[in-house]
C-alpha atoms as a PDB file:
ATOM      1  CA  MET A   1    -147.454  -3.237 -70.564  1.00  0.00           C
ATOM      2  CA  SER A   2    -150.908  -4.432 -69.465  1.00  0.00           C
ATOM      3  CA  GLN A   3    -151.236  -6.432 -72.707  1.00  0.00           C
ATOM      4  CA  ASN A   4    -148.041  -8.317 -71.804  1.00  0.00           C
ATOM      5  CA  ILE A   5    -149.378  -8.983 -68.305  1.00  0.00           C
ATOM      6  CA  TRP A   6    -152.598 -10.485 -69.653  1.00  0.00           C
ATOM      7  CA  ASP A   7    -150.693 -12.440 -72.305  1.00  0.00           C
ATOM      8  CA  LYS A   8    -148.713 -14.103 -69.501  1.00  0.00           C
ATOM      9  CA  LYS A   9    -151.870 -14.751 -67.475  1.00  0.00           C
ATOM     10  CA  ARG A  10    -153.609 -16.323 -70.486  1.00  0.00           C
ATOM     11  CA  GLU A  11    -150.561 -18.490 -71.132  1.00  0.00           C
ATOM     12  CA  VAL A  12    -150.546 -19.704 -67.515  1.00  0.00           C
ATOM     13  CA  LEU A  13    -154.323 -20.288 -67.595  1.00  0.00           C
ATOM     14  CA  HIS A  14    -154.116 -22.429 -70.748  1.00  0.00           C
ATOM     15  CA  HIS A  15    -151.116 -24.346 -69.371  1.00  0.00           C
ATOM     16  CA  TYR A  16    -152.954 -25.311 -66.176  1.00  0.00           C
ATOM     17  CA  ASP A  17    -156.217 -26.035 -68.007  1.00  0.00           C
ATOM     18  CA  ARG A  18    -154.274 -28.553 -70.129  1.00  0.00           C
ATOM     19  CA  LEU A  19    -152.511 -30.064 -67.086  1.00  0.00           C
ATOM     20  CA  ALA A  20    -155.502 -30.191 -64.736  1.00  0.00           C
ATOM     21  CA  ARG A  21    -156.380 -33.881 -65.164  1.00  0.00           C
ATOM     22  CA  ILE A  22    -152.768 -35.066 -64.841  1.00  0.00           C
ATOM     23  CA  TYR A  23    -151.364 -32.437 -62.451  1.00  0.00           C
ATOM     24  CA  ASP A  24    -151.665 -34.600 -59.336  1.00  0.00           C
ATOM     25  CA  SER A  25    -149.855 -37.532 -60.922  1.00  0.00           C
ATOM     26  CA  LEU A  26    -147.003 -35.221 -61.952  1.00  0.00           C
ATOM     27  CA  TYR A  27    -146.625 -33.010 -58.871  1.00  0.00           C
ATOM     28  CA  ARG A  28    -148.518 -34.415 -55.894  1.00  0.00           C
ATOM     29  CA  ARG A  29    -145.477 -35.819 -54.081  1.00  0.00           C
ATOM     30  CA  GLU A  30    -143.587 -32.506 -54.327  1.00  0.00           C
ATOM     31  CA  GLN A  31    -146.645 -30.439 -53.360  1.00  0.00           C
ATOM     32  CA  ASP A  32    -147.385 -32.687 -50.367  1.00  0.00           C
ATOM     33  CA  ALA A  33    -143.788 -32.293 -49.153  1.00  0.00           C
ATOM     34  CA  LYS A  34    -144.099 -28.481 -49.368  1.00  0.00           C
ATOM     35  CA  ILE A  35    -147.417 -28.517 -47.529  1.00  0.00           C
ATOM     36  CA  LYS A  36    -146.024 -30.709 -44.739  1.00  0.00           C
ATOM     37  CA  SER A  37    -143.050 -28.347 -44.333  1.00  0.00           C
ATOM     38  CA  ILE A  38    -145.401 -25.358 -44.132  1.00  0.00           C
ATOM     39  CA  LEU A  39    -147.730 -27.010 -41.619  1.00  0.00           C
ATOM     40  CA  LYS A  40    -144.815 -27.617 -39.239  1.00  0.00           C
ATOM     41  CA  VAL A  41    -144.663 -23.822 -38.832  1.00  0.00           C
ATOM     42  CA  LEU A  42    -148.090 -22.440 -39.735  1.00  0.00           C
ATOM     43  CA  THR A  43    -150.768 -22.923 -37.087  1.00  0.00           C
ATOM     44  CA  ALA A  44    -154.212 -23.902 -38.364  1.00  0.00           C
ATOM     45  CA  ARG A  45    -157.177 -23.541 -36.011  1.00  0.00           C
ATOM     46  CA  CYS A  46    -160.703 -24.909 -36.245  1.00  0.00           C
ATOM     47  CA  LYS A  47    -162.298 -21.467 -36.751  1.00  0.00           C
ATOM     48  CA  ASP A  48    -159.826 -20.227 -39.374  1.00  0.00           C
ATOM     49  CA  LEU A  49    -160.975 -18.919 -42.718  1.00  0.00           C
ATOM     50  CA  VAL A  50    -158.262 -20.056 -45.152  1.00  0.00           C
ATOM     51  CA  LEU A  51    -157.524 -18.792 -48.659  1.00  0.00           C
ATOM     52  CA  ASP A  52    -155.668 -21.050 -51.077  1.00  0.00           C
ATOM     53  CA  ALA A  53    -154.435 -18.458 -53.604  1.00  0.00           C
ATOM     54  CA  GLY A  54    -153.752 -20.152 -56.931  1.00  0.00           C
ATOM     55  CA  CYS A  55    -155.331 -23.314 -55.538  1.00  0.00           C
ATOM     56  CA  GLY A  56    -155.034 -25.461 -58.665  1.00  0.00           C
ATOM     57  CA  THR A  57    -156.452 -28.952 -58.181  1.00  0.00           C
ATOM     58  CA  GLY A  58    -156.805 -28.535 -54.417  1.00  0.00           C
ATOM     59  CA  LEU A  59    -154.067 -30.730 -53.005  1.00  0.00           C
ATOM     60  CA  LEU A  60    -153.931 -28.495 -49.924  1.00  0.00           C
ATOM     61  CA  ILE A  61    -157.411 -29.540 -48.742  1.00  0.00           C
ATOM     62  CA  ASN A  62    -156.149 -33.084 -48.210  1.00  0.00           C
ATOM     63  CA  HIS A  63    -154.074 -31.637 -45.358  1.00  0.00           C
ATOM     64  CA  LEU A  64    -156.192 -28.753 -44.045  1.00  0.00           C
ATOM     65  CA  ALA A  65    -159.899 -28.969 -44.789  1.00  0.00           C
ATOM     66  CA  ARG A  66    -160.908 -30.921 -41.686  1.00  0.00           C
ATOM     67  CA  ARG A  67    -158.685 -28.748 -39.461  1.00  0.00           C
ATOM     68  CA  VAL A  68    -160.097 -25.300 -40.336  1.00  0.00           C
ATOM     69  CA  GLY A  69    -163.471 -23.563 -40.351  1.00  0.00           C
ATOM     70  CA  HIS A  70    -163.837 -22.793 -44.060  1.00  0.00           C
ATOM     71  CA  PHE A  71    -161.563 -23.126 -47.052  1.00  0.00           C
ATOM     72  CA  VAL A  72    -161.675 -20.784 -50.084  1.00  0.00           C
ATOM     73  CA  GLY A  73    -159.839 -21.695 -53.281  1.00  0.00           C
ATOM     74  CA  VAL A  74    -159.118 -19.131 -56.011  1.00  0.00           C
ATOM     75  CA  ASP A  75    -157.627 -19.926 -59.405  1.00  0.00           C
ATOM     76  CA  LEU A  76    -157.831 -18.713 -63.006  1.00  0.00           C
ATOM     77  CA  SER A  77    -157.968 -22.268 -64.392  1.00  0.00           C
ATOM     78  CA  MET A  78    -161.547 -23.541 -64.555  1.00  0.00           C
ATOM     79  CA  GLU A  79    -160.318 -27.062 -65.382  1.00  0.00           C
ATOM     80  CA  SER A  80    -158.211 -27.109 -62.215  1.00  0.00           C
ATOM     81  CA  LEU A  81    -161.173 -25.861 -60.187  1.00  0.00           C
ATOM     82  CA  LYS A  82    -163.297 -28.718 -61.573  1.00  0.00           C
ATOM     83  CA  VAL A  83    -160.717 -31.230 -60.307  1.00  0.00           C
ATOM     84  CA  PHE A  84    -160.696 -29.410 -56.946  1.00  0.00           C
ATOM     85  CA  MET A  85    -164.500 -29.613 -56.750  1.00  0.00           C
ATOM     86  CA  GLU A  86    -164.420 -33.360 -57.470  1.00  0.00           C
ATOM     87  CA  ARG A  87    -161.828 -33.778 -54.707  1.00  0.00           C
ATOM     88  CA  SER A  88    -163.994 -31.913 -52.185  1.00  0.00           C
ATOM     89  CA  TYR A  89    -166.947 -34.194 -53.021  1.00  0.00           C
ATOM     90  CA  ARG A  90    -164.808 -37.330 -52.656  1.00  0.00           C
ATOM     91  CA  LEU A  91    -163.545 -36.130 -49.272  1.00  0.00           C
ATOM     92  CA  GLY A  92    -167.091 -35.289 -48.125  1.00  0.00           C
ATOM     93  CA  ILE A  93    -166.180 -31.688 -47.340  1.00  0.00           C
ATOM     94  CA  LYS A  94    -167.999 -29.744 -50.068  1.00  0.00           C
ATOM     95  CA  ARG A  95    -169.920 -27.669 -47.511  1.00  0.00           C
ATOM     96  CA  SER A  96    -166.717 -26.288 -46.004  1.00  0.00           C
ATOM     97  CA  VAL A  97    -165.118 -25.375 -49.360  1.00  0.00           C
ATOM     98  CA  SER A  98    -165.845 -22.425 -51.670  1.00  0.00           C
ATOM     99  CA  LEU A  99    -164.192 -22.184 -55.089  1.00  0.00           C
ATOM    100  CA  ILE A 100    -163.915 -19.015 -57.168  1.00  0.00           C
ATOM    101  CA  GLN A 101    -162.479 -18.487 -60.623  1.00  0.00           C
ATOM    102  CA  ALA A 102    -160.564 -15.239 -60.160  1.00  0.00           C
ATOM    103  CA  ASP A 103    -157.249 -13.499 -60.696  1.00  0.00           C
ATOM    104  CA  VAL A 104    -154.957 -13.539 -57.634  1.00  0.00           C
ATOM    105  CA  ASP A 105    -153.818 -10.019 -58.513  1.00  0.00           C
ATOM    106  CA  ASN A 106    -157.414  -8.754 -58.178  1.00  0.00           C
ATOM    107  CA  LEU A 107    -158.946 -10.870 -55.437  1.00  0.00           C
ATOM    108  CA  PRO A 108    -162.727 -10.437 -55.099  1.00  0.00           C
ATOM    109  CA  PHE A 109    -162.614  -9.941 -51.329  1.00  0.00           C
ATOM    110  CA  ARG A 110    -162.669  -6.951 -49.036  1.00  0.00           C
ATOM    111  CA  ASP A 111    -159.642  -6.081 -46.908  1.00  0.00           C
ATOM    112  CA  ASN A 112    -158.755  -8.094 -43.786  1.00  0.00           C
ATOM    113  CA  VAL A 113    -160.779 -11.267 -44.380  1.00  0.00           C
ATOM    114  CA  PHE A 114    -158.566 -14.356 -44.050  1.00  0.00           C
ATOM    115  CA  ASP A 115    -156.883 -15.912 -41.015  1.00  0.00           C
ATOM    116  CA  LYS A 116    -154.473 -17.885 -43.192  1.00  0.00           C
ATOM    117  CA  VAL A 117    -153.433 -17.556 -46.829  1.00  0.00           C
ATOM    118  CA  ILE A 118    -151.369 -20.190 -48.604  1.00  0.00           C
ATOM    119  CA  ALA A 119    -149.917 -19.615 -52.072  1.00  0.00           C
ATOM    120  CA  LEU A 120    -148.156 -22.722 -53.361  1.00  0.00           C
ATOM    121  CA  THR A 121    -146.287 -22.621 -56.667  1.00  0.00           C
ATOM    122  CA  LEU A 122    -147.846 -19.272 -57.495  1.00  0.00           C
ATOM    123  CA  LEU A 123    -145.244 -16.518 -57.544  1.00  0.00           C
ATOM    124  CA  GLN A 124    -143.342 -17.767 -60.600  1.00  0.00           C
ATOM    125  CA  ASN A 125    -146.619 -17.831 -62.557  1.00  0.00           C
ATOM    126  CA  VAL A 126    -147.597 -14.196 -62.059  1.00  0.00           C
ATOM    127  CA  PRO A 127    -146.295 -11.188 -64.021  1.00  0.00           C
ATOM    128  CA  GLU A 128    -145.498  -9.061 -60.940  1.00  0.00           C
ATOM    129  CA  PRO A 129    -144.880 -11.226 -57.840  1.00  0.00           C
ATOM    130  CA  LEU A 130    -144.622  -8.221 -55.512  1.00  0.00           C
ATOM    131  CA  ASP A 131    -148.061  -6.961 -56.633  1.00  0.00           C
ATOM    132  CA  THR A 132    -149.475 -10.438 -56.017  1.00  0.00           C
ATOM    133  CA  LEU A 133    -147.975 -10.571 -52.526  1.00  0.00           C
ATOM    134  CA  GLN A 134    -149.360  -7.136 -51.690  1.00  0.00           C
ATOM    135  CA  GLU A 135    -152.826  -8.227 -52.821  1.00  0.00           C
ATOM    136  CA  ILE A 136    -152.576 -11.341 -50.637  1.00  0.00           C
ATOM    137  CA  ILE A 137    -151.542  -9.205 -47.653  1.00  0.00           C
ATOM    138  CA  ARG A 138    -154.491  -6.863 -48.343  1.00  0.00           C
ATOM    139  CA  VAL A 139    -157.044  -9.648 -47.859  1.00  0.00           C
ATOM    140  CA  SER A 140    -155.257 -11.091 -44.798  1.00  0.00           C
ATOM    141  CA  LYS A 141    -156.366 -10.164 -41.299  1.00  0.00           C
ATOM    142  CA  SER A 142    -154.142  -8.474 -38.756  1.00  0.00           C
ATOM    143  CA  ASN A 143    -151.901 -11.061 -37.100  1.00  0.00           C
ATOM    144  CA  SER A 144    -152.695 -13.640 -39.766  1.00  0.00           C
ATOM    145  CA  GLU A 145    -150.151 -15.972 -41.349  1.00  0.00           C
ATOM    146  CA  VAL A 146    -149.352 -16.178 -45.057  1.00  0.00           C
ATOM    147  CA  ALA A 147    -147.322 -19.039 -46.531  1.00  0.00           C
ATOM    148  CA  VAL A 148    -145.768 -18.558 -49.968  1.00  0.00           C
ATOM    149  CA  THR A 149    -143.434 -20.646 -52.079  1.00  0.00           C
ATOM    150  CA  GLY A 150    -141.241 -19.856 -55.056  1.00  0.00           C
ATOM    151  CA  LEU A 151    -139.560 -22.366 -57.341  1.00  0.00           C
ATOM    152  CA  LYS A 152    -135.796 -22.424 -56.877  1.00  0.00           C
ATOM    153  CA  LYS A 153    -135.281 -22.636 -60.641  1.00  0.00           C
ATOM    154  CA  HIS A 154    -137.129 -19.303 -60.958  1.00  0.00           C
ATOM    155  CA  PHE A 155    -135.959 -17.507 -57.796  1.00  0.00           C
ATOM    156  CA  ASP A 156    -132.499 -17.865 -56.337  1.00  0.00           C
ATOM    157  CA  GLU A 157    -132.387 -17.622 -52.549  1.00  0.00           C
ATOM    158  CA  LYS A 158    -131.378 -13.952 -52.539  1.00  0.00           C
ATOM    159  CA  SER A 159    -134.107 -12.815 -54.964  1.00  0.00           C
ATOM    160  CA  PHE A 160    -136.790 -14.766 -53.088  1.00  0.00           C
ATOM    161  CA  ASN A 161    -135.651 -13.349 -49.737  1.00  0.00           C
ATOM    162  CA  ASN A 162    -135.579  -9.824 -51.212  1.00  0.00           C
ATOM    163  CA  LEU A 163    -139.076 -10.246 -52.651  1.00  0.00           C
ATOM    164  CA  ILE A 164    -140.499 -11.409 -49.316  1.00  0.00           C
ATOM    165  CA  GLY A 165    -138.642  -8.597 -47.515  1.00  0.00           C
ATOM    166  CA  LYS A 166    -140.261  -5.963 -49.762  1.00  0.00           C
ATOM    167  CA  ILE A 167    -143.740  -6.559 -48.387  1.00  0.00           C
ATOM    168  CA  GLY A 168    -142.588  -5.149 -45.064  1.00  0.00           C
ATOM    169  CA  GLU A 169    -144.020  -7.869 -42.872  1.00  0.00           C
ATOM    170  CA  GLU A 170    -142.337 -10.096 -40.291  1.00  0.00           C
ATOM    171  CA  HIS A 171    -141.355 -13.399 -41.872  1.00  0.00           C
ATOM    172  CA  ILE A 172    -139.388 -16.590 -41.451  1.00  0.00           C
ATOM    173  CA  PHE A 173    -137.945 -18.879 -44.087  1.00  0.00           C
ATOM    174  CA  VAL A 174    -138.493 -22.624 -43.989  1.00  0.00           C
ATOM    175  CA  ASN A 175    -135.279 -24.161 -45.239  1.00  0.00           C
ATOM    176  CA  SER A 176    -135.317 -27.519 -46.954  1.00  0.00           C
ATOM    177  CA  SER A 177    -132.673 -28.610 -49.401  1.00  0.00           C
ATOM    178  CA  GLU A 178    -134.893 -31.532 -50.495  1.00  0.00           C
ATOM    179  CA  LEU A 179    -137.638 -29.270 -51.876  1.00  0.00           C
ATOM    180  CA  HIS A 180    -137.721 -27.562 -55.265  1.00  0.00           C
ATOM    181  CA  ASP A 181    -139.123 -24.408 -53.643  1.00  0.00           C
ATOM    182  CA  HIS A 182    -138.173 -21.687 -51.229  1.00  0.00           C
ATOM    183  CA  ILE A 183    -140.811 -21.269 -48.513  1.00  0.00           C
ATOM    184  CA  ALA A 184    -141.640 -18.208 -46.416  1.00  0.00           C
ATOM    185  CA  ILE A 185    -144.178 -17.825 -43.626  1.00  0.00           C
ATOM    186  CA  VAL A 186    -145.215 -14.187 -43.258  1.00  0.00           C
ATOM    187  CA  LYS A 187    -146.793 -12.862 -40.080  1.00  0.00           C
ATOM    188  CA  VAL A 188    -149.050  -9.975 -41.093  1.00  0.00           C
ATOM    189  CA  LYS A 189    -148.629  -6.973 -38.814  1.00  0.00           C
ATOM    190  CA  ASN A 190    -151.391  -5.280 -36.925  1.00  0.00           C
ATOM    191  CA  LYS A 191    -153.368  -3.306 -39.453  1.00  0.00           C
ATOM    192  CA  TYR A 192    -155.220  -0.267 -38.280  1.00  0.00           C
ATOM    193  CA  MET A 193    -157.981   0.059 -40.814  1.00  0.00           C
ATOM    194  CA  GLN A 194    -161.374   1.675 -40.538  1.00  0.00           C
ATOM    195  CA  GLY A 195    -163.656  -0.789 -38.835  1.00  0.00           C
ATOM    196  CA  GLU A 196    -160.866  -2.482 -36.867  1.00  0.00           C
ATOM    197  CA  GLY A 197    -160.182  -1.710 -33.230  1.00  0.00           C
END
């Protein structure tokens, strides 16, 4: 089983390494539309620590980097992270961006770190979407917001809604017939963990 999981992850990694230099020209318009829909609901504050899980080439920072305290991007694809780094230099925001090559199913962060987590076009690329969502919730603070999308050609509305419902957190769905994705904004419940009051 674990061999199949890593086979899928390697396949996704190689796919996005190959696409990295042309990804924006292929998908920027669609990604920007998703981001704008999310930002109508998700509240970003100047002190927020934001995780872009499966960040790819970093299109999200065009919309958020100057509005939040610090932005962390995580992706398996080193080629995509290189494009992201170039973008952060061009925008003059390198100091407020940290990039990490890592697996979203095994995030290298302690529990309860991020004020906001955004996972665009991620769930259809992971072997076990529920495990990925649970890992994202783990690193999210109490009362944080998590935005996730799932391609409609991969998830029908019922399966996406069921998946989001399984994480046991309060959520709303952002409906848009024009988008190729389903979108959910999850409000992480109060967590009572050691070290939190």
